[in-house]
């Protein structure tokens, strides 16, 4: 039979194990609680200049508890970040103060919209406006205020970078780090009136440290695009959906002198003008938008390259996606002699050989 001292040693070892596990749990914050931040109505106009000097910003609640996804999962962020949210009848505003202990080392070079910001610091905002925990909007800016936006579908399974919305942003680098100010028109978002909360998350990337911090969803298995793990943006029950009305008309003019007429002898001269409606977007419901066009301008439409060949031969041309594998088409082209000609086109793997005959 084991002695009493032996059992005491076993109990002491178990107590130490429990203490170690409890300490590790204390260092790794719980992910069961959904973090929340409340948006505040702005009672004064907000100027998007990156300064965050309106009194409303100082009164708004701030999201500050950012954690690392990389390089050390769950550790507190190395630099402090504060995110505040305001709204009025037309826009929802985001003010970000990104503190940095070495502001001269902030990476901010990209000025092209929808760039990937591969070498820049940046702020990313996720908005799940329908709160379905599956789909969301993503808005990103670097410290210069350069924009990138995308649609996230099925928790990041599909990310549509070609989607572009009309929104404003501005950024400023100062001695404390940098600030970013964003205004997103409510007409650019689809949401239901009377809903108190949206899904909400923010990420900050510090490029020189290879550090990615998130307000929530900071687990390596999650990330910003895991919409179901986002926090909540509350206080939005006052929002009223504004009907989307967007019109893009155009007018073009030209003056011609001595231009040969097409199809008949003579020359053309004089002024010409035309106009139309490039696109009109009208919001019918929160999830349905009608698009109308009248006499659109196809001046920027892509056309096939003209092929001029005096004799029959094979010519290697750029791949044409319309031609399927094994498909053959007989298409007219223009020869140098201005005589009708035909060529056969057949798609062979990643090349297209066209045999041109007169």
Foldseek 3Di string as FASTA:
>chain_A
DDDPVVVVVVVVVVVVVVVVVVVVCVQADDLPDFDEFEEEEDPDDDDFAFPCPDPVSVVGDWQWQKAWLPDDFRHTDPWTKTWGWYDYQWWIKIKIDTFDPCQVPAADDDQDAQDPCPQHKKKKKWKQQAQPQFKTKIWMAGQQFHIFIWIAGRLNPDIGRVDDADWGKGKDGDPGHIMMMIIHTLQRAFHDAQDFKIFIKMWIARRVVRIIIISWQSHNVHDDSSSNSGHIYGPRNPHDRDKDWDWDKDKDKDFDDQPADPPDGDGDGDMDMDMWTQWIWTHDHSVDIDIDTTPHDCPVPDDDDADEDPAWDKDWDADDVVADAQDKDWDWGAYPVRDIWIWIWHDDVRTIIITTHD
